Amino acid sequence: MSAEALPVVAVVGATGTGKTALGVELALRLGGEVVNADSMQFYRGMDIGTAKATAEERRGVPHHLLDVLDVTEEASVAGFQQQARTCFAQIRARGRVPVLVGGSGLYVRAALDVLELPGTDPRIRARLERELAAEGPGALRERLLRVDPESAARVRDDRRLVRALEVWELTGRPFASFMPRREYVAPTVQLALDVDRAELHARLARRVEAMVAAGLEAEVRELAGRGLRAGRTASRALGYGQFLDVVDGRASAADAAEATVVATRQFARRQLTWFRADPRVHWLDAAGPGLADRAVQLVQRSRPGPDGP
């Protein structure tokens, strides 16, 4: 079957389930190229702590949207949406299949779904952040409750509080009105790997242990010299915030490793909740036989046209 007859393929789900390896295998079998949808793998130098695929692990498959930002830059869902869709079009023009791989839920939805993203205004955001610093979140939350009660009920952190008010001031519309619909912009099949919970926890612990052994602390120290602390997005990456505490003398490496394991498990749980809420995702047993064969069959059965979606 030609690449043009196949849908966009997305390998999604929780961290530590084997998305990277399956994405590469599918790209090899289907004649595809990988587009990264892990927001922390956008950053140059953040390799060990994000489990970024090495050149050997990529197995000659072209990868896109890796290493596109410095750690001081802020990742943007709107910017990613445009870049990812441009990648899809260019890959299709080469007669190949786009294989989107990552577990950053909103970034995946931005690439695949009908989703209108409001713009940004640095001046408005800076003013709101000054108000937040001077007055605390209470006054801003009360303001949001008046103009956008639905978003006020959902917002759980200061960053999203500022963003919701910025969107209201820019557009006059509630932030909640920009939520994505479950409607693909192009024929797509989403695949996720199902791993037993106890096994996933064990995998995540081993993964963090391997990262520490591979030099995560040294990587964080090097990135700290390049402005990691100032990075609004990069500094929050799993493992990096915890090991910045080691660099700054606030924690031991053992404490940072344990905190990273706990945070990674919590993150994986949130990812599973996000992707299980989407009925379009096909779940595959990661431990079952013939994983790649089963994934290819699902992709081929989901092809566009009279027999597909």
C-alpha atoms as a PDB file:
ATOM      1  CA  MET A   1       0.000   0.000   0.000  1.00  0.00           C
ATOM      2  CA  SER A   2       1.365   3.396  -0.946  1.00  0.00           C
ATOM      3  CA  ALA A   3       2.179   5.949   1.727  1.00  0.00           C
ATOM      4  CA  GLU A   4      -0.333   8.354   0.189  1.00  0.00           C
ATOM      5  CA  ALA A   5      -3.136   5.871   0.970  1.00  0.00           C
ATOM      6  CA  LEU A   6      -2.333   5.789   4.684  1.00  0.00           C
ATOM      7  CA  PRO A   7      -3.501   8.152   7.439  1.00  0.00           C
ATOM      8  CA  VAL A   8      -1.306  10.264   9.662  1.00  0.00           C
ATOM      9  CA  VAL A   9      -0.082   7.953  12.434  1.00  0.00           C
ATOM     10  CA  ALA A  10       0.186   9.151  16.037  1.00  0.00           C
ATOM     11  CA  VAL A  11       1.892   7.094  18.746  1.00  0.00           C
ATOM     12  CA  VAL A  12       0.725   8.593  22.028  1.00  0.00           C
ATOM     13  CA  GLY A  13       0.273   7.765  25.703  1.00  0.00           C
ATOM     14  CA  ALA A  14       2.237   7.697  28.904  1.00  0.00           C
ATOM     15  CA  THR A  15       5.953   8.170  29.328  1.00  0.00           C
ATOM     16  CA  GLY A  16       8.007   5.013  29.609  1.00  0.00           C
ATOM     17  CA  THR A  17       5.662   2.777  27.593  1.00  0.00           C
ATOM     18  CA  GLY A  18       7.821   2.419  24.476  1.00  0.00           C
ATOM     19  CA  LYS A  19       6.383   5.088  22.172  1.00  0.00           C
ATOM     20  CA  THR A  20       9.764   6.035  20.704  1.00  0.00           C
ATOM     21  CA  ALA A  21      10.694   2.515  19.624  1.00  0.00           C
ATOM     22  CA  LEU A  22       7.256   1.802  18.164  1.00  0.00           C
ATOM     23  CA  GLY A  23       7.219   5.112  16.298  1.00  0.00           C
ATOM     24  CA  VAL A  24      10.565   4.357  14.672  1.00  0.00           C
ATOM     25  CA  GLU A  25       9.488   0.808  13.780  1.00  0.00           C
ATOM     26  CA  LEU A  26       6.269   2.059  12.190  1.00  0.00           C
ATOM     27  CA  ALA A  27       8.150   4.700  10.224  1.00  0.00           C
ATOM     28  CA  LEU A  28      10.459   1.999   8.879  1.00  0.00           C
ATOM     29  CA  ARG A  29       7.608  -0.326   7.948  1.00  0.00           C
ATOM     30  CA  LEU A  30       5.270   2.293   6.479  1.00  0.00           C
ATOM     31  CA  GLY A  31       7.807   4.521   4.759  1.00  0.00           C
ATOM     32  CA  GLY A  32       7.453   7.338   7.245  1.00  0.00           C
ATOM     33  CA  GLU A  33       9.226  10.109   9.093  1.00  0.00           C
ATOM     34  CA  VAL A  34       8.858  10.931  12.794  1.00  0.00           C
ATOM     35  CA  VAL A  35       7.529  14.260  14.060  1.00  0.00           C
ATOM     36  CA  ASN A  36       8.224  14.872  17.749  1.00  0.00           C
ATOM     37  CA  ALA A  37       5.313  15.854  20.014  1.00  0.00           C
ATOM     38  CA  ASP A  38       7.152  15.728  23.337  1.00  0.00           C
ATOM     39  CA  SER A  39       7.340  19.373  24.372  1.00  0.00           C
ATOM     40  CA  MET A  40      10.530  18.878  26.405  1.00  0.00           C
ATOM     41  CA  GLN A  41      12.382  17.255  23.512  1.00  0.00           C
ATOM     42  CA  PHE A  42      12.145  20.540  21.628  1.00  0.00           C
ATOM     43  CA  TYR A  43      15.078  21.756  23.736  1.00  0.00           C
ATOM     44  CA  ARG A  44      18.683  21.553  22.676  1.00  0.00           C
ATOM     45  CA  GLY A  45      20.858  19.857  25.287  1.00  0.00           C
ATOM     46  CA  MET A  46      17.960  18.273  27.172  1.00  0.00           C
ATOM     47  CA  ASP A  47      18.814  14.769  26.041  1.00  0.00           C
ATOM     48  CA  ILE A  48      19.298  12.442  29.001  1.00  0.00           C
ATOM     49  CA  GLY A  49      16.413  13.665  31.128  1.00  0.00           C
ATOM     50  CA  THR A  50      13.896  13.595  28.261  1.00  0.00           C
ATOM     51  CA  ALA A  51      14.986  10.173  26.970  1.00  0.00           C
ATOM     52  CA  LYS A  52      15.557  11.743  23.563  1.00  0.00           C
ATOM     53  CA  ALA A  53      16.236   9.088  20.936  1.00  0.00           C
ATOM     54  CA  THR A  54      19.907   8.735  20.071  1.00  0.00           C
ATOM     55  CA  ALA A  55      21.091   8.580  16.462  1.00  0.00           C
ATOM     56  CA  GLU A  56      21.376   4.803  16.838  1.00  0.00           C
ATOM     57  CA  GLU A  57      17.834   4.504  18.214  1.00  0.00           C
ATOM     58  CA  ARG A  58      16.465   6.572  15.310  1.00  0.00           C
ATOM     59  CA  ARG A  59      17.731   3.833  12.941  1.00  0.00           C
ATOM     60  CA  GLY A  60      18.119   6.205  10.026  1.00  0.00           C
ATOM     61  CA  VAL A  61      14.536   7.490  10.210  1.00  0.00           C
ATOM     62  CA  PRO A  62      14.315  11.279   9.735  1.00  0.00           C
ATOM     63  CA  HIS A  63      13.120  13.033  12.908  1.00  0.00           C
ATOM     64  CA  HIS A  64      11.585  16.501  12.987  1.00  0.00           C
ATOM     65  CA  LEU A  65      11.025  19.130  15.725  1.00  0.00           C
ATOM     66  CA  LEU A  66      13.790  17.851  17.976  1.00  0.00           C
ATOM     67  CA  ASP A  67      16.355  20.382  19.274  1.00  0.00           C
ATOM     68  CA  VAL A  68      14.523  23.444  17.942  1.00  0.00           C
ATOM     69  CA  LEU A  69      14.583  25.670  21.060  1.00  0.00           C
ATOM     70  CA  ASP A  70      17.127  26.985  23.541  1.00  0.00           C
ATOM     71  CA  VAL A  71      16.296  26.318  27.195  1.00  0.00           C
ATOM     72  CA  THR A  72      15.543  30.007  27.765  1.00  0.00           C
ATOM     73  CA  GLU A  73      12.791  30.002  25.125  1.00  0.00           C
ATOM     74  CA  GLU A  74       9.158  29.229  25.909  1.00  0.00           C
ATOM     75  CA  ALA A  75       7.393  26.427  24.056  1.00  0.00           C
ATOM     76  CA  SER A  76       4.205  27.509  22.313  1.00  0.00           C
ATOM     77  CA  VAL A  77       1.293  25.234  21.426  1.00  0.00           C
ATOM     78  CA  ALA A  78       0.293  27.616  18.620  1.00  0.00           C
ATOM     79  CA  GLY A  79       3.812  27.655  17.232  1.00  0.00           C
ATOM     80  CA  PHE A  80       4.022  23.874  17.443  1.00  0.00           C
ATOM     81  CA  GLN A  81       0.684  23.471  15.664  1.00  0.00           C
ATOM     82  CA  GLN A  82       1.957  25.422  12.670  1.00  0.00           C
ATOM     83  CA  GLN A  83       5.334  23.657  12.631  1.00  0.00           C
ATOM     84  CA  ALA A  84       3.864  20.162  12.992  1.00  0.00           C
ATOM     85  CA  ARG A  85       1.325  20.670  10.223  1.00  0.00           C
ATOM     86  CA  THR A  86       4.025  22.097   7.970  1.00  0.00           C
ATOM     87  CA  CYS A  87       6.088  18.964   8.658  1.00  0.00           C
ATOM     88  CA  PHE A  88       3.106  16.750   7.832  1.00  0.00           C
ATOM     89  CA  ALA A  89       2.600  18.523   4.494  1.00  0.00           C
ATOM     90  CA  GLN A  90       6.287  18.325   3.587  1.00  0.00           C
ATOM     91  CA  ILE A  91       6.493  14.633   4.521  1.00  0.00           C
ATOM     92  CA  ARG A  92       3.361  13.917   2.458  1.00  0.00           C
ATOM     93  CA  ALA A  93       4.858  15.831  -0.478  1.00  0.00           C
ATOM     94  CA  ARG A  94       7.783  13.395  -0.367  1.00  0.00           C
ATOM     95  CA  GLY A  95       5.322  10.504  -0.635  1.00  0.00           C
ATOM     96  CA  ARG A  96       5.903   9.412   2.957  1.00  0.00           C
ATOM     97  CA  VAL A  97       3.813   8.953   6.109  1.00  0.00           C
ATOM     98  CA  PRO A  98       3.969  11.409   9.048  1.00  0.00           C
ATOM     99  CA  VAL A  99       4.395   9.535  12.349  1.00  0.00           C
ATOM    100  CA  LEU A 100       3.698  11.850  15.286  1.00  0.00           C
ATOM    101  CA  VAL A 101       5.254  10.552  18.522  1.00  0.00           C
ATOM    102  CA  GLY A 102       4.816  12.007  22.008  1.00  0.00           C
ATOM    103  CA  GLY A 103       2.807  12.206  25.171  1.00  0.00           C
ATOM    104  CA  SER A 104       2.236  15.963  25.539  1.00  0.00           C
ATOM    105  CA  GLY A 105      -1.537  15.799  25.241  1.00  0.00           C
ATOM    106  CA  LEU A 106      -2.393  19.339  24.199  1.00  0.00           C
ATOM    107  CA  TYR A 107       0.436  19.399  21.649  1.00  0.00           C
ATOM    108  CA  VAL A 108      -0.875  16.158  20.130  1.00  0.00           C
ATOM    109  CA  ARG A 109      -4.382  17.605  19.922  1.00  0.00           C
ATOM    110  CA  ALA A 110      -3.050  20.828  18.399  1.00  0.00           C
ATOM    111  CA  ALA A 111      -1.304  18.897  15.634  1.00  0.00           C
ATOM    112  CA  LEU A 112      -4.146  16.499  14.860  1.00  0.00           C
ATOM    113  CA  ASP A 113      -7.459  18.135  15.716  1.00  0.00           C
ATOM    114  CA  VAL A 114      -9.569  21.105  14.705  1.00  0.00           C
ATOM    115  CA  LEU A 115      -8.289  23.580  17.263  1.00  0.00           C
ATOM    116  CA  GLU A 116      -8.313  27.370  17.176  1.00  0.00           C
ATOM    117  CA  LEU A 117      -5.506  28.790  19.268  1.00  0.00           C
ATOM    118  CA  PRO A 118      -5.689  32.377  20.567  1.00  0.00           C
ATOM    119  CA  GLY A 119      -2.654  34.577  20.115  1.00  0.00           C
ATOM    120  CA  THR A 120      -0.453  36.094  22.782  1.00  0.00           C
ATOM    121  CA  ASP A 121       0.532  39.609  23.773  1.00  0.00           C
ATOM    122  CA  PRO A 122       3.745  39.905  25.797  1.00  0.00           C
ATOM    123  CA  ARG A 123       2.710  43.303  27.181  1.00  0.00           C
ATOM    124  CA  ILE A 124      -0.612  42.043  28.523  1.00  0.00           C
ATOM    125  CA  ARG A 125       1.026  38.943  29.963  1.00  0.00           C
ATOM    126  CA  ALA A 126       3.805  40.954  31.618  1.00  0.00           C
ATOM    127  CA  ARG A 127       1.266  43.301  33.211  1.00  0.00           C
ATOM    128  CA  LEU A 128      -0.804  40.391  34.540  1.00  0.00           C
ATOM    129  CA  GLU A 129       2.324  38.712  35.899  1.00  0.00           C
ATOM    130  CA  ARG A 130       3.277  41.934  37.700  1.00  0.00           C
ATOM    131  CA  GLU A 131      -0.193  42.057  39.229  1.00  0.00           C
ATOM    132  CA  LEU A 132       0.140  38.425  40.273  1.00  0.00           C
ATOM    133  CA  ALA A 133       3.486  39.074  41.938  1.00  0.00           C
ATOM    134  CA  ALA A 134       2.224  42.188  43.709  1.00  0.00           C
ATOM    135  CA  GLU A 135      -1.240  41.050  44.786  1.00  0.00           C
ATOM    136  CA  GLY A 136      -1.191  37.267  44.657  1.00  0.00           C
ATOM    137  CA  PRO A 137      -3.602  35.074  42.700  1.00  0.00           C
ATOM    138  CA  GLY A 138      -6.759  35.989  44.637  1.00  0.00           C
ATOM    139  CA  ALA A 139      -7.602  39.214  42.806  1.00  0.00           C
ATOM    140  CA  LEU A 140      -6.852  37.717  39.386  1.00  0.00           C
ATOM    141  CA  ARG A 141      -8.944  34.650  40.154  1.00  0.00           C
ATOM    142  CA  GLU A 142     -11.896  36.839  41.188  1.00  0.00           C
ATOM    143  CA  ARG A 143     -11.568  38.765  37.920  1.00  0.00           C
ATOM    144  CA  LEU A 144     -11.532  35.530  35.914  1.00  0.00           C
ATOM    145  CA  LEU A 145     -14.549  34.256  37.827  1.00  0.00           C
ATOM    146  CA  ARG A 146     -16.503  37.332  36.721  1.00  0.00           C
ATOM    147  CA  VAL A 147     -15.617  37.156  33.016  1.00  0.00           C
ATOM    148  CA  ASP A 148     -15.047  33.423  32.468  1.00  0.00           C
ATOM    149  CA  PRO A 149     -16.461  31.259  35.284  1.00  0.00           C
ATOM    150  CA  GLU A 150     -16.007  28.017  33.340  1.00  0.00           C
ATOM    151  CA  SER A 151     -12.262  28.564  32.974  1.00  0.00           C
ATOM    152  CA  ALA A 152     -12.008  29.786  36.581  1.00  0.00           C
ATOM    153  CA  ALA A 153     -13.375  26.433  37.721  1.00  0.00           C
ATOM    154  CA  ARG A 154     -10.736  24.576  35.687  1.00  0.00           C
ATOM    155  CA  VAL A 155      -7.610  26.655  36.281  1.00  0.00           C
ATOM    156  CA  ARG A 156      -5.351  25.104  38.922  1.00  0.00           C
ATOM    157  CA  ASP A 157      -2.106  27.079  38.644  1.00  0.00           C
ATOM    158  CA  ASP A 158      -0.941  30.670  38.299  1.00  0.00           C
ATOM    159  CA  ARG A 159       0.439  30.218  34.789  1.00  0.00           C
ATOM    160  CA  ARG A 160      -2.918  29.152  33.356  1.00  0.00           C
ATOM    161  CA  LEU A 161      -4.674  31.828  35.406  1.00  0.00           C
ATOM    162  CA  VAL A 162      -2.586  34.503  33.679  1.00  0.00           C
ATOM    163  CA  ARG A 163      -3.109  32.843  30.298  1.00  0.00           C
ATOM    164  CA  ALA A 164      -6.899  32.722  30.705  1.00  0.00           C
ATOM    165  CA  LEU A 165      -7.045  36.436  31.532  1.00  0.00           C
ATOM    166  CA  GLU A 166      -4.658  37.264  28.683  1.00  0.00           C
ATOM    167  CA  VAL A 167      -6.946  35.445  26.233  1.00  0.00           C
ATOM    168  CA  TRP A 168     -10.002  37.272  27.590  1.00  0.00           C
ATOM    169  CA  GLU A 169      -8.343  40.664  27.183  1.00  0.00           C
ATOM    170  CA  LEU A 170      -7.078  39.819  23.689  1.00  0.00           C
ATOM    171  CA  THR A 171     -10.217  38.271  22.230  1.00  0.00           C
ATOM    172  CA  GLY A 172     -13.158  39.117  24.477  1.00  0.00           C
ATOM    173  CA  ARG A 173     -13.891  35.393  24.516  1.00  0.00           C
ATOM    174  CA  PRO A 174     -13.604  32.926  27.398  1.00  0.00           C
ATOM    175  CA  PHE A 175     -10.518  30.740  27.369  1.00  0.00           C
ATOM    176  CA  ALA A 176     -12.814  27.706  27.596  1.00  0.00           C
ATOM    177  CA  SER A 177     -14.286  28.561  24.173  1.00  0.00           C
ATOM    178  CA  PHE A 178     -10.976  27.617  22.559  1.00  0.00           C
ATOM    179  CA  MET A 179     -11.038  24.023  23.796  1.00  0.00           C
ATOM    180  CA  PRO A 180     -10.378  21.483  21.011  1.00  0.00           C
ATOM    181  CA  ARG A 181     -13.049  19.335  19.376  1.00  0.00           C
ATOM    182  CA  ARG A 182     -12.431  15.644  18.748  1.00  0.00           C
ATOM    183  CA  GLU A 183     -12.351  16.172  15.014  1.00  0.00           C
ATOM    184  CA  TYR A 184      -9.256  15.389  12.970  1.00  0.00           C
ATOM    185  CA  VAL A 185      -8.038  17.915  10.420  1.00  0.00           C
ATOM    186  CA  ALA A 186      -6.846  14.987   8.260  1.00  0.00           C
ATOM    187  CA  PRO A 187      -7.391  11.204   8.415  1.00  0.00           C
ATOM    188  CA  THR A 188      -5.474   9.971  11.454  1.00  0.00           C
ATOM    189  CA  VAL A 189      -5.012   6.848  13.543  1.00  0.00           C
ATOM    190  CA  GLN A 190      -3.845   7.167  17.145  1.00  0.00           C
ATOM    191  CA  LEU A 191      -2.091   4.252  18.826  1.00  0.00           C
ATOM    192  CA  ALA A 192      -1.206   3.981  22.516  1.00  0.00           C
ATOM    193  CA  LEU A 193       0.680   1.339  24.447  1.00  0.00           C
ATOM    194  CA  ASP A 194      -0.989  -0.259  27.443  1.00  0.00           C
ATOM    195  CA  VAL A 195       1.367  -1.341  30.228  1.00  0.00           C
ATOM    196  CA  ASP A 196       0.379  -2.957  33.527  1.00  0.00           C
ATOM    197  CA  ARG A 197       0.476  -0.308  36.252  1.00  0.00           C
ATOM    198  CA  ALA A 198       2.994  -2.127  38.463  1.00  0.00           C
ATOM    199  CA  GLU A 199       5.198  -2.792  35.456  1.00  0.00           C
ATOM    200  CA  LEU A 200       4.979   0.837  34.377  1.00  0.00           C
ATOM    201  CA  HIS A 201       6.030   2.024  37.825  1.00  0.00           C
ATOM    202  CA  ALA A 202       8.991  -0.377  37.724  1.00  0.00           C
ATOM    203  CA  ARG A 203       9.928   0.838  34.246  1.00  0.00           C
ATOM    204  CA  LEU A 204       9.836   4.467  35.333  1.00  0.00           C
ATOM    205  CA  ALA A 205      12.035   3.775  38.359  1.00  0.00           C
ATOM    206  CA  ARG A 206      14.574   1.939  36.185  1.00  0.00           C
ATOM    207  CA  ARG A 207      14.417   4.730  33.622  1.00  0.00           C
ATOM    208  CA  VAL A 208      15.247   7.435  36.176  1.00  0.00           C
ATOM    209  CA  GLU A 209      18.028   5.258  37.608  1.00  0.00           C
ATOM    210  CA  ALA A 210      19.494   4.899  34.105  1.00  0.00           C
ATOM    211  CA  MET A 211      19.257   8.650  33.506  1.00  0.00           C
ATOM    212  CA  VAL A 212      21.146   9.378  36.718  1.00  0.00           C
ATOM    213  CA  ALA A 213      23.811   6.831  35.787  1.00  0.00           C
ATOM    214  CA  ALA A 214      24.092   8.378  32.299  1.00  0.00           C
ATOM    215  CA  GLY A 215      24.902  11.808  33.751  1.00  0.00           C
ATOM    216  CA  LEU A 216      21.621  13.671  34.310  1.00  0.00           C
ATOM    217  CA  GLU A 217      23.153  15.823  37.054  1.00  0.00           C
ATOM    218  CA  ALA A 218      26.019  16.875  34.793  1.00  0.00           C
ATOM    219  CA  GLU A 219      23.558  17.674  32.003  1.00  0.00           C
ATOM    220  CA  VAL A 220      21.518  19.878  34.354  1.00  0.00           C
ATOM    221  CA  ARG A 221      24.668  21.640  35.587  1.00  0.00           C
ATOM    222  CA  GLU A 222      25.686  22.397  32.006  1.00  0.00           C
ATOM    223  CA  LEU A 223      22.208  23.674  31.117  1.00  0.00           C
ATOM    224  CA  ALA A 224      22.082  25.796  34.279  1.00  0.00           C
ATOM    225  CA  GLY A 225      25.007  27.710  32.818  1.00  0.00           C
ATOM    226  CA  ARG A 226      22.971  28.287  29.661  1.00  0.00           C
ATOM    227  CA  GLY A 227      19.999  29.793  31.476  1.00  0.00           C
ATOM    228  CA  LEU A 228      17.884  26.774  32.411  1.00  0.00           C
ATOM    229  CA  ARG A 229      16.554  28.446  35.580  1.00  0.00           C
ATOM    230  CA  ALA A 230      15.136  31.308  33.488  1.00  0.00           C
ATOM    231  CA  GLY A 231      13.377  28.975  31.065  1.00  0.00           C
ATOM    232  CA  ARG A 232       9.641  29.162  31.737  1.00  0.00           C
ATOM    233  CA  THR A 233       9.012  25.768  30.113  1.00  0.00           C
ATOM    234  CA  ALA A 234      12.323  23.924  30.217  1.00  0.00           C
ATOM    235  CA  SER A 235      12.948  24.455  33.936  1.00  0.00           C
ATOM    236  CA  ARG A 236       9.747  22.545  34.750  1.00  0.00           C
ATOM    237  CA  ALA A 237      10.777  19.395  32.886  1.00  0.00           C
ATOM    238  CA  LEU A 238      10.786  16.192  34.902  1.00  0.00           C
ATOM    239  CA  GLY A 239      14.180  15.655  36.490  1.00  0.00           C
ATOM    240  CA  TYR A 240      15.531  19.072  35.615  1.00  0.00           C
ATOM    241  CA  GLY A 241      13.840  21.024  38.390  1.00  0.00           C
ATOM    242  CA  GLN A 242      14.694  18.278  40.864  1.00  0.00           C
ATOM    243  CA  PHE A 243      18.370  18.228  39.889  1.00  0.00           C
ATOM    244  CA  LEU A 244      18.579  22.019  39.857  1.00  0.00           C
ATOM    245  CA  ASP A 245      18.005  21.616  43.600  1.00  0.00           C
ATOM    246  CA  VAL A 246      21.136  19.426  43.680  1.00  0.00           C
ATOM    247  CA  VAL A 247      23.118  22.009  41.714  1.00  0.00           C
ATOM    248  CA  ASP A 248      21.956  24.720  44.139  1.00  0.00           C
ATOM    249  CA  GLY A 249      22.754  22.629  47.217  1.00  0.00           C
ATOM    250  CA  ARG A 250      19.145  22.154  48.351  1.00  0.00           C
ATOM    251  CA  ALA A 251      18.975  18.389  47.826  1.00  0.00           C
ATOM    252  CA  SER A 252      21.125  15.306  47.453  1.00  0.00           C
ATOM    253  CA  ALA A 253      21.288  13.393  44.193  1.00  0.00           C
ATOM    254  CA  ALA A 254      19.469  10.477  45.836  1.00  0.00           C
ATOM    255  CA  ASP A 255      16.656  12.751  47.012  1.00  0.00           C
ATOM    256  CA  ALA A 256      16.387  14.330  43.565  1.00  0.00           C
ATOM    257  CA  ALA A 257      16.231  10.921  41.905  1.00  0.00           C
ATOM    258  CA  GLU A 258      13.451   9.766  44.237  1.00  0.00           C
ATOM    259  CA  ALA A 259      11.525  13.015  43.706  1.00  0.00           C
ATOM    260  CA  THR A 260      11.879  12.548  39.951  1.00  0.00           C
ATOM    261  CA  VAL A 261      10.462   9.010  40.144  1.00  0.00           C
ATOM    262  CA  VAL A 262       7.458  10.255  42.116  1.00  0.00           C
ATOM    263  CA  ALA A 263       6.852  13.180  39.757  1.00  0.00           C
ATOM    264  CA  THR A 264       7.207  10.932  36.703  1.00  0.00           C
ATOM    265  CA  ARG A 265       4.632   8.474  38.046  1.00  0.00           C
ATOM    266  CA  GLN A 266       2.212  11.336  38.686  1.00  0.00           C
ATOM    267  CA  PHE A 267       2.802  12.692  35.194  1.00  0.00           C
ATOM    268  CA  ALA A 268       2.243   9.268  33.627  1.00  0.00           C
ATOM    269  CA  ARG A 269      -1.056   8.987  35.498  1.00  0.00           C
ATOM    270  CA  ARG A 270      -2.191  12.347  34.103  1.00  0.00           C
ATOM    271  CA  GLN A 271      -1.179  11.298  30.592  1.00  0.00           C
ATOM    272  CA  LEU A 272      -3.167   8.068  30.876  1.00  0.00           C
ATOM    273  CA  THR A 273      -6.215   9.987  32.078  1.00  0.00           C
ATOM    274  CA  TRP A 274      -5.913  12.389  29.147  1.00  0.00           C
ATOM    275  CA  PHE A 275      -5.540   9.765  26.411  1.00  0.00           C
ATOM    276  CA  ARG A 276      -8.053   7.284  27.867  1.00  0.00           C
ATOM    277  CA  ALA A 277     -10.663  10.052  27.665  1.00  0.00           C
ATOM    278  CA  ASP A 278     -10.279  10.059  23.860  1.00  0.00           C
ATOM    279  CA  PRO A 279     -12.359   7.214  22.372  1.00  0.00           C
ATOM    280  CA  ARG A 280     -10.445   7.425  19.079  1.00  0.00           C
ATOM    281  CA  VAL A 281      -7.227   6.057  20.602  1.00  0.00           C
ATOM    282  CA  HIS A 282      -6.461   2.405  19.850  1.00  0.00           C
ATOM    283  CA  TRP A 283      -4.797   0.738  22.854  1.00  0.00           C
ATOM    284  CA  LEU A 284      -2.263  -2.021  22.240  1.00  0.00           C
ATOM    285  CA  ASP A 285      -0.844  -4.384  24.838  1.00  0.00           C
ATOM    286  CA  ALA A 286       2.835  -3.430  24.918  1.00  0.00           C
ATOM    287  CA  ALA A 287       3.792  -6.879  26.230  1.00  0.00           C
ATOM    288  CA  GLY A 288       1.757  -8.826  23.681  1.00  0.00           C
ATOM    289  CA  PRO A 289       3.320 -10.682  20.737  1.00  0.00           C
ATOM    290  CA  GLY A 290       3.655  -9.055  17.350  1.00  0.00           C
ATOM    291  CA  LEU A 291       3.203  -5.488  18.592  1.00  0.00           C
ATOM    292  CA  ALA A 292       4.477  -3.829  15.430  1.00  0.00           C
ATOM    293  CA  ASP A 293       2.455  -6.173  13.222  1.00  0.00           C
ATOM    294  CA  ARG A 294      -0.737  -5.342  15.129  1.00  0.00           C
ATOM    295  CA  ALA A 295       0.009  -1.623  14.903  1.00  0.00           C
ATOM    296  CA  VAL A 296       0.593  -1.794  11.132  1.00  0.00           C
ATOM    297  CA  GLN A 297      -2.672  -3.677  10.658  1.00  0.00           C
ATOM    298  CA  LEU A 298      -4.584  -0.985  12.561  1.00  0.00           C
ATOM    299  CA  VAL A 299      -3.018   1.734  10.444  1.00  0.00           C
ATOM    300  CA  GLN A 300      -3.848  -0.055   7.203  1.00  0.00           C
ATOM    301  CA  ARG A 301      -7.436  -0.698   8.267  1.00  0.00           C
ATOM    302  CA  SER A 302      -7.806   3.012   9.125  1.00  0.00           C
ATOM    303  CA  ARG A 303      -6.729   4.285   5.703  1.00  0.00           C
ATOM    304  CA  PRO A 304      -8.730   7.144   4.160  1.00  0.00           C
ATOM    305  CA  GLY A 305     -11.292   6.377   1.532  1.00  0.00           C
ATOM    306  CA  PRO A 306     -14.448   4.271   1.203  1.00  0.00           C
ATOM    307  CA  ASP A 307     -13.133   1.611   3.584  1.00  0.00           C
ATOM    308  CA  GLY A 308     -11.555   4.034   6.063  1.00  0.00           C
ATOM    309  CA  PRO A 309     -12.605   6.996   8.235  1.00  0.00           C
END
